[in-house]
């Protein structure tokens, strides 16, 4: 379950994220370029398109997906995408 955070904490977190992106340490993906593949995966596997965006990005970038979600990990493996598991859901 997600914990509630204050508006000030949320704004601080966003400012930190924007600064990190500005430094080049994080690169955002153009999800509009991934949505068609994500939708194909979602429809075929009957899985939420939001999760399938991660799969489409991992597939396109030839990188493993890092997840604690066992269902998403199984779906990734079924599609030939490497998985780096973390924790558990």
N, C-alpha and C. Protein backbone atom coordinates (compact mmCIF):
# COMPACT_ATOMS: atom_id res chain seq x y z
N UNK A 1 0.84 -1.17 0.00
CA UNK A 1 0.00 0.00 0.00
C UNK A 1 0.89 1.24 0.00
N UNK A 2 0.57 2.20 -0.83
CA UNK A 2 1.34 3.44 -0.91
C UNK A 2 1.03 4.32 0.28
N UNK A 3 2.05 4.99 0.78
CA UNK A 3 1.87 5.90 1.89
C UNK A 3 1.51 7.28 1.35
N UNK A 4 0.70 8.00 2.09
CA UNK A 4 0.38 9.37 1.71
C UNK A 4 1.58 10.26 2.02
N UNK A 5 1.85 11.21 1.11
CA UNK A 5 2.91 12.18 1.36
C UNK A 5 2.31 13.57 1.28
N UNK A 6 2.97 14.51 1.88
CA UNK A 6 2.47 15.88 1.87
C UNK A 6 2.71 16.51 0.50
N UNK A 7 1.97 17.57 0.24
CA UNK A 7 2.16 18.31 -1.02
C UNK A 7 3.58 18.84 -1.11
N UNK A 8 4.12 19.31 0.00
CA UNK A 8 5.49 19.85 0.01
C UNK A 8 6.50 18.77 -0.35
N UNK A 9 6.31 17.57 0.19
CA UNK A 9 7.23 16.47 -0.12
C UNK A 9 7.12 16.07 -1.59
N UNK A 10 5.89 16.06 -2.10
CA UNK A 10 5.69 15.72 -3.51
C UNK A 10 6.37 16.75 -4.41
N UNK A 11 6.23 18.01 -4.09
CA UNK A 11 6.85 19.07 -4.89
C UNK A 11 8.37 19.00 -4.80
N UNK A 12 8.89 18.71 -3.61
CA UNK A 12 10.34 18.55 -3.45
C UNK A 12 10.85 17.38 -4.29
N UNK A 13 10.10 16.28 -4.26
CA UNK A 13 10.48 15.11 -5.05
C UNK A 13 10.49 15.42 -6.54
N UNK A 14 9.47 16.15 -6.99
CA UNK A 14 9.40 16.52 -8.40
C UNK A 14 10.57 17.43 -8.78
N UNK A 15 10.90 18.38 -7.92
CA UNK A 15 12.03 19.28 -8.20
C UNK A 15 13.33 18.48 -8.30
N UNK A 16 13.49 17.49 -7.44
CA UNK A 16 14.68 16.64 -7.48
C UNK A 16 14.72 15.84 -8.78
N UNK A 17 13.60 15.28 -9.17
CA UNK A 17 13.53 14.51 -10.42
C UNK A 17 13.87 15.39 -11.61
N UNK A 18 13.32 16.58 -11.66
CA UNK A 18 13.60 17.51 -12.76
C UNK A 18 15.08 17.86 -12.81
N UNK A 19 15.69 18.05 -11.65
CA UNK A 19 17.12 18.36 -11.60
C UNK A 19 17.96 17.18 -12.10
N UNK A 20 17.58 15.97 -11.72
CA UNK A 20 18.32 14.78 -12.16
C UNK A 20 18.18 14.61 -13.67
N UNK A 21 16.99 14.82 -14.19
CA UNK A 21 16.78 14.72 -15.64
C UNK A 21 17.61 15.78 -16.35
N UNK A 22 17.62 16.98 -15.80
CA UNK A 22 18.40 18.07 -16.38
C UNK A 22 19.89 17.79 -16.40
N UNK A 23 20.37 17.00 -15.42
CA UNK A 23 21.80 16.67 -15.36
C UNK A 23 22.19 15.60 -16.38
N UNK A 24 21.18 14.95 -16.96
CA UNK A 24 21.45 13.89 -17.93
C UNK A 24 21.59 12.51 -17.31
N UNK A 25 21.44 12.40 -15.99
CA UNK A 25 21.58 11.10 -15.32
C UNK A 25 20.41 10.18 -15.64
N UNK A 26 19.26 10.76 -15.97
CA UNK A 26 18.08 10.00 -16.36
C UNK A 26 17.61 10.53 -17.70
N UNK A 27 17.29 9.63 -18.60
CA UNK A 27 16.74 10.00 -19.90
C UNK A 27 15.31 9.49 -19.97
N UNK A 28 14.40 10.35 -20.31
CA UNK A 28 13.00 9.94 -20.44
C UNK A 28 12.77 9.36 -21.82
N UNK A 29 11.93 8.35 -21.87
CA UNK A 29 11.60 7.71 -23.15
C UNK A 29 10.39 8.38 -23.75
N UNK A 30 10.36 8.46 -25.07
CA UNK A 30 9.19 8.96 -25.77
C UNK A 30 8.17 7.84 -25.85
N UNK A 31 7.23 7.83 -24.90
CA UNK A 31 6.31 6.70 -24.84
C UNK A 31 5.35 6.66 -26.03
N UNK A 32 5.17 7.78 -26.73
CA UNK A 32 4.30 7.73 -27.91
C UNK A 32 4.91 6.84 -28.99
N UNK A 33 6.22 6.64 -28.94
CA UNK A 33 6.86 5.75 -29.89
C UNK A 33 6.74 4.28 -29.46
N UNK A 34 6.35 4.06 -28.22
CA UNK A 34 6.24 2.71 -27.68
C UNK A 34 4.80 2.22 -27.58
N UNK A 35 3.86 3.14 -27.67
CA UNK A 35 2.48 2.80 -27.34
C UNK A 35 1.89 1.73 -28.26
N UNK A 36 2.23 1.74 -29.53
CA UNK A 36 1.66 0.73 -30.44
C UNK A 36 2.10 -0.67 -30.01
N UNK A 37 3.40 -0.84 -29.74
CA UNK A 37 3.89 -2.15 -29.31
C UNK A 37 3.30 -2.51 -27.95
N UNK A 38 3.23 -1.54 -27.05
CA UNK A 38 2.66 -1.79 -25.73
C UNK A 38 1.21 -2.24 -25.84
N UNK A 39 0.46 -1.61 -26.72
CA UNK A 39 -0.93 -1.98 -26.91
C UNK A 39 -1.04 -3.39 -27.51
N UNK A 40 -0.17 -3.72 -28.44
CA UNK A 40 -0.16 -5.07 -29.01
C UNK A 40 0.07 -6.10 -27.89
N UNK A 41 1.07 -5.85 -27.06
CA UNK A 41 1.37 -6.76 -25.95
C UNK A 41 0.19 -6.86 -24.99
N UNK A 42 -0.39 -5.72 -24.70
CA UNK A 42 -1.52 -5.66 -23.76
C UNK A 42 -2.71 -6.46 -24.26
N UNK A 43 -3.05 -6.28 -25.52
CA UNK A 43 -4.20 -6.99 -26.08
C UNK A 43 -3.94 -8.48 -26.18
N UNK A 44 -2.75 -8.83 -26.63
CA UNK A 44 -2.42 -10.25 -26.81
C UNK A 44 -2.39 -11.00 -25.48
N UNK A 45 -1.79 -10.36 -24.47
CA UNK A 45 -1.60 -11.03 -23.18
C UNK A 45 -2.68 -10.68 -22.15
N UNK A 46 -3.60 -9.79 -22.55
CA UNK A 46 -4.65 -9.36 -21.62
C UNK A 46 -4.02 -8.86 -20.31
N UNK A 47 -3.08 -7.93 -20.47
CA UNK A 47 -2.32 -7.37 -19.36
C UNK A 47 -2.38 -5.84 -19.47
N UNK A 48 -2.35 -5.12 -18.35
CA UNK A 48 -2.46 -3.65 -18.42
C UNK A 48 -1.42 -3.00 -19.34
N UNK A 49 -1.89 -2.07 -20.14
CA UNK A 49 -1.01 -1.41 -21.09
C UNK A 49 0.11 -0.64 -20.39
N UNK A 50 -0.15 -0.13 -19.19
CA UNK A 50 0.90 0.61 -18.46
C UNK A 50 2.11 -0.29 -18.22
N UNK A 51 1.89 -1.52 -17.78
CA UNK A 51 2.99 -2.47 -17.60
C UNK A 51 3.64 -2.80 -18.93
N UNK A 52 2.84 -2.91 -19.95
CA UNK A 52 3.36 -3.28 -21.27
C UNK A 52 4.23 -2.18 -21.87
N UNK A 53 4.06 -0.95 -21.43
CA UNK A 53 4.97 0.12 -21.85
C UNK A 53 6.39 -0.18 -21.39
N UNK A 54 6.53 -0.68 -20.16
CA UNK A 54 7.85 -1.06 -19.65
C UNK A 54 8.44 -2.19 -20.49
N UNK A 55 7.60 -3.16 -20.83
CA UNK A 55 8.07 -4.27 -21.66
C UNK A 55 8.51 -3.78 -23.03
N UNK A 56 7.72 -2.93 -23.64
CA UNK A 56 8.05 -2.40 -24.96
C UNK A 56 9.36 -1.62 -24.93
N UNK A 57 9.58 -0.86 -23.88
CA UNK A 57 10.82 -0.09 -23.76
C UNK A 57 12.01 -1.02 -23.56
N UNK A 58 11.86 -2.02 -22.70
CA UNK A 58 12.95 -2.98 -22.48
C UNK A 58 13.26 -3.73 -23.77
N UNK A 59 12.22 -4.10 -24.49
CA UNK A 59 12.38 -4.81 -25.76
C UNK A 59 13.12 -3.93 -26.77
N UNK A 60 12.67 -2.68 -26.90
CA UNK A 60 13.29 -1.76 -27.87
C UNK A 60 14.74 -1.45 -27.52
N UNK A 61 15.02 -1.34 -26.22
CA UNK A 61 16.35 -0.95 -25.77
C UNK A 61 17.29 -2.13 -25.53
N UNK A 62 16.75 -3.35 -25.66
CA UNK A 62 17.53 -4.56 -25.41
C UNK A 62 18.16 -4.56 -24.01
N UNK A 63 17.35 -4.21 -23.04
CA UNK A 63 17.79 -4.20 -21.64
C UNK A 63 16.81 -5.03 -20.82
N UNK A 64 17.26 -5.51 -19.66
CA UNK A 64 16.33 -6.27 -18.81
C UNK A 64 15.33 -5.33 -18.14
N UNK A 65 14.22 -5.90 -17.75
CA UNK A 65 13.25 -5.16 -16.96
C UNK A 65 13.54 -5.48 -15.50
N UNK A 66 13.51 -4.49 -14.65
CA UNK A 66 13.74 -4.66 -13.22
C UNK A 66 12.39 -4.54 -12.54
N UNK A 67 11.96 -5.61 -11.86
CA UNK A 67 10.63 -5.59 -11.27
C UNK A 67 10.53 -6.54 -10.09
N UNK A 68 9.61 -6.21 -9.20
CA UNK A 68 9.24 -7.11 -8.10
C UNK A 68 7.91 -7.79 -8.41
N UNK A 69 7.30 -7.41 -9.52
CA UNK A 69 5.99 -7.93 -9.92
C UNK A 69 6.18 -9.27 -10.65
N UNK A 70 5.78 -10.36 -10.00
CA UNK A 70 5.99 -11.70 -10.58
C UNK A 70 5.24 -11.89 -11.89
N UNK A 71 4.02 -11.36 -11.98
CA UNK A 71 3.26 -11.50 -13.22
C UNK A 71 3.94 -10.77 -14.38
N UNK A 72 4.44 -9.58 -14.11
CA UNK A 72 5.15 -8.83 -15.14
C UNK A 72 6.43 -9.54 -15.53
N UNK A 73 7.13 -10.11 -14.56
CA UNK A 73 8.36 -10.85 -14.85
C UNK A 73 8.07 -12.05 -15.74
N UNK A 74 7.00 -12.80 -15.45
CA UNK A 74 6.63 -13.95 -16.27
C UNK A 74 6.30 -13.52 -17.69
N UNK A 75 5.59 -12.41 -17.82
CA UNK A 75 5.22 -11.89 -19.13
C UNK A 75 6.47 -11.47 -19.91
N UNK A 76 7.40 -10.82 -19.21
CA UNK A 76 8.64 -10.41 -19.86
C UNK A 76 9.40 -11.62 -20.38
N UNK A 77 9.55 -12.62 -19.54
CA UNK A 77 10.28 -13.83 -19.93
C UNK A 77 9.60 -14.50 -21.12
N UNK A 78 8.28 -14.55 -21.10
CA UNK A 78 7.52 -15.16 -22.20
C UNK A 78 7.75 -14.42 -23.52
N UNK A 79 8.17 -13.15 -23.43
CA UNK A 79 8.42 -12.36 -24.63
C UNK A 79 9.90 -12.19 -24.92
N UNK A 80 10.72 -13.01 -24.26
CA UNK A 80 12.16 -12.98 -24.53
C UNK A 80 12.88 -11.80 -23.93
N UNK A 81 12.29 -11.16 -22.93
CA UNK A 81 12.89 -10.00 -22.28
C UNK A 81 13.51 -10.48 -20.97
N UNK A 82 14.78 -10.14 -20.78
CA UNK A 82 15.46 -10.53 -19.54
C UNK A 82 14.84 -9.80 -18.36
N UNK A 83 14.92 -10.43 -17.19
CA UNK A 83 14.34 -9.87 -15.97
C UNK A 83 15.38 -9.84 -14.87
N UNK A 84 15.47 -8.70 -14.20
CA UNK A 84 16.26 -8.58 -12.99
C UNK A 84 15.25 -8.42 -11.86
N UNK A 85 15.05 -9.50 -11.08
CA UNK A 85 14.04 -9.41 -10.02
C UNK A 85 14.56 -8.63 -8.81
N UNK A 86 13.64 -7.93 -8.16
CA UNK A 86 13.94 -7.23 -6.91
C UNK A 86 12.83 -7.50 -5.92
N UNK A 87 13.15 -7.66 -4.66
CA UNK A 87 12.13 -7.83 -3.62
C UNK A 87 11.06 -8.81 -4.01
N UNK A 88 9.86 -8.53 -3.57
CA UNK A 88 8.69 -9.33 -3.93
C UNK A 88 7.46 -8.46 -3.80
N UNK A 89 6.36 -8.86 -4.51
CA UNK A 89 5.15 -8.06 -4.45
C UNK A 89 4.18 -8.58 -3.45
